[in-house]
Protein backbone atom coordinates (compact mmCIF):
# COMPACT_ATOMS: atom_id res chain seq x y z
CA MET A 1 31.22 -3.50 -18.24
CA PRO A 2 28.40 -1.06 -19.11
CA ILE A 3 26.20 0.41 -16.40
CA SER A 4 22.74 -1.10 -16.65
CA LYS A 5 21.02 0.82 -13.82
CA PHE A 6 21.17 4.55 -13.24
CA LEU A 7 20.16 6.47 -10.15
CA GLN A 8 16.77 8.11 -10.45
CA GLU A 9 15.50 11.15 -8.63
CA ALA A 10 13.13 10.17 -5.84
CA GLN A 11 9.66 11.58 -6.41
CA ARG A 12 7.39 12.54 -3.56
CA PHE A 13 4.19 10.53 -3.60
CA GLU A 14 1.32 12.41 -2.03
CA LEU A 15 -2.05 10.69 -1.86
CA LEU A 16 -4.33 13.23 -0.30
CA ALA A 17 -4.08 16.54 1.45
CA LEU A 18 -5.35 16.08 4.98
CA LYS A 19 -8.28 18.32 5.78
CA GLY A 20 -8.95 18.44 9.49
CA SER A 21 -9.04 15.45 11.76
CA PRO A 22 -12.16 13.30 11.53
CA ARG A 23 -13.70 12.01 14.71
CA PHE A 24 -12.00 8.69 15.41
CA ALA A 25 -15.23 6.95 16.52
CA ASP A 26 -16.97 7.89 13.27
CA LEU A 27 -13.99 6.79 11.20
CA ARG A 28 -13.89 3.38 12.91
CA GLN A 29 -17.54 2.74 12.01
CA THR A 30 -17.26 3.62 8.33
CA HIS A 31 -13.64 2.77 7.40
CA VAL A 32 -10.96 0.08 7.82
CA PRO A 33 -7.29 1.02 8.45
CA PHE A 34 -4.37 -0.44 6.46
CA SER A 35 -0.71 0.39 7.03
CA GLY A 36 2.27 0.16 4.75
CA SER A 37 4.49 2.00 2.32
CA PRO A 38 2.73 3.70 -0.63
CA ARG A 39 3.77 3.12 -4.24
CA ARG A 40 2.52 4.56 -7.50
CA HIS A 41 0.38 2.22 -9.55
CA PRO A 42 2.30 1.26 -12.70
CA TYR A 43 -0.43 2.22 -15.19
CA ASP A 44 -3.57 3.56 -13.42
CA GLN A 45 -3.36 6.99 -11.77
CA GLY A 46 -6.71 6.41 -10.02
CA LYS A 47 -5.20 3.58 -7.93
CA PHE A 48 -2.23 3.12 -5.65
CA ILE A 49 -0.35 0.22 -4.12
CA LEU A 50 0.32 -0.19 -0.41
CA MET A 51 3.22 -2.52 0.44
CA ALA A 52 2.44 -4.13 3.80
CA ASP A 53 6.17 -4.77 4.42
CA PRO A 54 8.27 -2.70 1.99
CA TYR A 55 11.48 -4.70 2.56
CA CYS A 56 9.76 -8.03 1.93
CA SER A 57 7.46 -7.37 -1.02
CA SER A 58 5.44 -10.55 -0.61
CA LEU A 59 2.13 -8.88 0.30
CA TYR A 60 0.58 -5.76 -1.14
CA TYR A 61 -2.82 -4.09 -1.46
CA GLU A 62 -4.24 -2.12 -4.38
CA PHE A 63 -6.85 0.55 -3.63
CA ASP A 64 -8.79 3.14 -5.62
CA THR A 65 -7.78 6.59 -4.42
CA ASP A 66 -11.47 7.57 -4.32
CA ASP A 67 -12.04 4.99 -1.55
CA ILE A 68 -9.50 6.67 0.77
CA ASP A 69 -10.86 9.41 3.02
CA PHE A 70 -8.04 9.89 5.52
CA VAL A 71 -4.29 9.26 5.58
CA GLU A 72 -2.04 9.34 8.65
CA GLU A 73 1.73 9.50 8.43
CA LEU A 74 3.48 6.86 10.52
CA PRO A 75 7.14 6.84 11.60
CA SER A 76 9.45 5.89 8.72
CA ILE A 77 11.36 2.63 8.91
CA VAL A 78 15.09 2.30 8.24
CA ASN A 79 17.04 -0.76 7.13
CA LEU A 80 20.63 -1.62 8.07
CA ASP A 81 21.96 0.24 5.01
CA GLY A 82 20.33 3.49 6.17
CA GLU A 83 17.59 3.50 3.50
CA THR A 84 14.30 4.88 4.79
CA MET A 85 10.77 3.97 3.75
CA THR A 86 7.77 6.21 4.29
CA MET A 87 4.97 4.47 6.16
CA ILE A 88 1.33 5.57 6.22
CA LEU A 89 -2.00 4.46 7.64
CA VAL A 90 -4.86 4.75 5.14
CA TRP A 91 -8.52 4.60 6.09
CA VAL A 92 -10.47 2.79 3.36
CA LYS A 93 -14.26 2.97 3.07
CA ARG A 94 -15.98 -0.22 4.17
CA ARG A 95 -17.42 -2.36 1.35
CA SER A 96 -14.90 -0.94 -1.17
CA LEU A 97 -13.48 -3.25 -3.79
CA ALA A 98 -9.71 -3.72 -3.42
CA LEU A 99 -7.04 -6.22 -4.43
CA ARG A 100 -4.82 -8.19 -2.06
CA CYS A 101 -1.86 -10.00 -3.57
CA SER A 102 -0.03 -12.61 -1.52
CA PRO A 103 2.23 -15.53 -2.40
CA PHE A 104 1.25 -19.16 -2.06
CA VAL A 105 2.93 -22.54 -2.45
CA VAL A 106 1.85 -24.62 -5.42
CA ASP A 107 1.40 -28.28 -4.55
CA GLY A 108 -0.78 -31.20 -5.60
CA GLN A 109 -3.94 -29.89 -3.91
CA SER A 110 -6.56 -28.54 -6.28
CA LEU A 111 -8.02 -25.12 -5.42
CA GLY A 112 -10.80 -25.16 -7.99
CA GLY A 113 -12.31 -28.55 -7.14
CA ARG A 114 -10.82 -30.23 -10.24
CA GLU A 115 -8.27 -32.98 -9.95
């Protein structure tokens, strides 16, 4: 049986270099925090994906890197197999345009007002 998947070298994914610590009160007024595990965007280098729960990829956010002003590293999480996931807290500018993707159940109810 041929091998269909090969191990790949893990690449470090750095969003921003932290420059000093902003005053927390100022940051709270102008930004909104989101936490999760960062992923590279598949085709746009100006964006990145933040997996809210990296082991259950049902919800993720997509942000422009220009809308991020501060990143905090959170403790990594480890699953039962010993695999670790980097977790971060990103502070996104208020009123920025972002994408939230979440699953939903399709049933007979119409979402668009058409039946």
